[in-house]
Amino acid sequence: MADWWKRYLQFNVTAKLTMIASVAMSWRCAEWFMGLEEPTTQQSAFVSVIMGVMTGVYGIYLGKEARTPKE
């Protein structure tokens, strides 16, 4: 069990799964927005915020990966 946990932490599985889920959710948000006939200002602001948050999430993810010690 300890060996499995060590590999889980080494490969940073939680961060990778979280990033994949975030990308999938933002992709679905963009698809939803592109499918709207006449998007409102509020809807475009919502999508803009989601995409801006994804920029931050990606930056934090890359920063975390750069600081993770490789063995």
C-alpha atoms as a PDB file:
ATOM      1  CA  MET A   1       0.000   0.000   0.000  1.00  0.00           C
ATOM      2  CA  ALA A   2       2.812   2.416   0.839  1.00  0.00           C
ATOM      3  CA  ASP A   3       4.479   1.754  -2.532  1.00  0.00           C
ATOM      4  CA  TRP A   4       1.231   2.613  -4.360  1.00  0.00           C
ATOM      5  CA  TRP A   5       0.870   5.834  -2.367  1.00  0.00           C
ATOM      6  CA  LYS A   6       4.471   6.808  -3.088  1.00  0.00           C
ATOM      7  CA  ARG A   7       3.916   6.364  -6.837  1.00  0.00           C
ATOM      8  CA  TYR A   8       0.616   8.254  -6.618  1.00  0.00           C
ATOM      9  CA  LEU A   9       2.385  11.221  -5.037  1.00  0.00           C
ATOM     10  CA  GLN A  10       5.379  10.941  -7.364  1.00  0.00           C
ATOM     11  CA  PHE A  11       3.244  11.169 -10.501  1.00  0.00           C
ATOM     12  CA  ASN A  12       1.041  13.887  -8.962  1.00  0.00           C
ATOM     13  CA  VAL A  13      -2.145  12.139 -10.089  1.00  0.00           C
ATOM     14  CA  THR A  14      -4.543  14.459  -8.248  1.00  0.00           C
ATOM     15  CA  ALA A  15      -3.163  17.566  -9.960  1.00  0.00           C
ATOM     16  CA  LYS A  16      -3.262  15.917 -13.366  1.00  0.00           C
ATOM     17  CA  LEU A  17      -6.850  14.706 -12.924  1.00  0.00           C
ATOM     18  CA  THR A  18      -7.921  18.120 -11.653  1.00  0.00           C
ATOM     19  CA  MET A  19      -6.344  19.789 -14.675  1.00  0.00           C
ATOM     20  CA  ILE A  20      -8.048  17.367 -17.069  1.00  0.00           C
ATOM     21  CA  ALA A  21     -11.416  17.978 -15.385  1.00  0.00           C
ATOM     22  CA  SER A  22     -10.920  21.761 -15.518  1.00  0.00           C
ATOM     23  CA  VAL A  23     -10.062  21.664 -19.215  1.00  0.00           C
ATOM     24  CA  ALA A  24     -13.089  19.479 -19.955  1.00  0.00           C
ATOM     25  CA  MET A  25     -15.434  21.790 -18.050  1.00  0.00           C
ATOM     26  CA  SER A  26     -14.114  24.926 -19.727  1.00  0.00           C
ATOM     27  CA  TRP A  27     -14.356  23.219 -23.127  1.00  0.00           C
ATOM     28  CA  ARG A  28     -17.997  22.362 -22.455  1.00  0.00           C
ATOM     29  CA  CYS A  29     -18.617  25.962 -21.378  1.00  0.00           C
ATOM     30  CA  ALA A  30     -17.171  27.215 -24.675  1.00  0.00           C
ATOM     31  CA  GLU A  31     -19.273  24.717 -26.636  1.00  0.00           C
ATOM     32  CA  TRP A  32     -22.386  25.845 -24.780  1.00  0.00           C
ATOM     33  CA  PHE A  33     -21.629  29.483 -25.537  1.00  0.00           C
ATOM     34  CA  MET A  34     -20.955  28.846 -29.222  1.00  0.00           C
ATOM     35  CA  GLY A  35     -24.266  27.010 -29.469  1.00  0.00           C
ATOM     36  CA  LEU A  36     -26.313  29.977 -28.256  1.00  0.00           C
ATOM     37  CA  GLU A  37     -28.395  31.758 -30.900  1.00  0.00           C
ATOM     38  CA  GLU A  38     -28.106  35.234 -29.376  1.00  0.00           C
ATOM     39  CA  PRO A  39     -25.775  35.312 -26.386  1.00  0.00           C
ATOM     40  CA  THR A  40     -26.417  38.003 -23.808  1.00  0.00           C
ATOM     41  CA  THR A  41     -23.826  40.220 -22.201  1.00  0.00           C
ATOM     42  CA  GLN A  42     -24.073  38.210 -18.985  1.00  0.00           C
ATOM     43  CA  GLN A  43     -23.446  34.946 -20.807  1.00  0.00           C
ATOM     44  CA  SER A  44     -20.392  36.316 -22.604  1.00  0.00           C
ATOM     45  CA  ALA A  45     -19.079  37.724 -19.297  1.00  0.00           C
ATOM     46  CA  PHE A  46     -19.535  34.287 -17.706  1.00  0.00           C
ATOM     47  CA  VAL A  47     -17.551  32.560 -20.458  1.00  0.00           C
ATOM     48  CA  SER A  48     -14.896  35.269 -20.302  1.00  0.00           C
ATOM     49  CA  VAL A  49     -14.458  34.704 -16.563  1.00  0.00           C
ATOM     50  CA  ILE A  50     -14.265  30.910 -17.013  1.00  0.00           C
ATOM     51  CA  MET A  51     -11.586  31.246 -19.691  1.00  0.00           C
ATOM     52  CA  GLY A  52      -9.663  33.757 -17.560  1.00  0.00           C
ATOM     53  CA  VAL A  53      -9.773  31.395 -14.602  1.00  0.00           C
ATOM     54  CA  MET A  54      -8.444  28.613 -16.820  1.00  0.00           C
ATOM     55  CA  THR A  55      -5.448  30.793 -17.679  1.00  0.00           C
ATOM     56  CA  GLY A  56      -4.712  31.114 -13.963  1.00  0.00           C
ATOM     57  CA  VAL A  57      -5.274  27.416 -13.296  1.00  0.00           C
ATOM     58  CA  TYR A  58      -2.909  26.485 -16.119  1.00  0.00           C
ATOM     59  CA  GLY A  59      -0.278  28.915 -14.868  1.00  0.00           C
ATOM     60  CA  ILE A  60      -0.470  27.536 -11.344  1.00  0.00           C
ATOM     61  CA  TYR A  61      -0.317  23.988 -12.685  1.00  0.00           C
ATOM     62  CA  LEU A  62       2.806  24.732 -14.714  1.00  0.00           C
ATOM     63  CA  GLY A  63       4.402  26.540 -11.789  1.00  0.00           C
ATOM     64  CA  LYS A  64       3.718  23.581  -9.516  1.00  0.00           C
ATOM     65  CA  GLU A  65       5.148  21.151 -12.048  1.00  0.00           C
ATOM     66  CA  ALA A  66       8.334  23.206 -12.346  1.00  0.00           C
ATOM     67  CA  ARG A  67       8.868  23.146  -8.552  1.00  0.00           C
ATOM     68  CA  THR A  68       8.152  19.423  -8.165  1.00  0.00           C
ATOM     69  CA  PRO A  69      11.454  17.627  -7.542  1.00  0.00           C
ATOM     70  CA  LYS A  70      12.225  14.942 -10.113  1.00  0.00           C
ATOM     71  CA  GLU A  71      13.961  11.854  -8.825  1.00  0.00           C
END
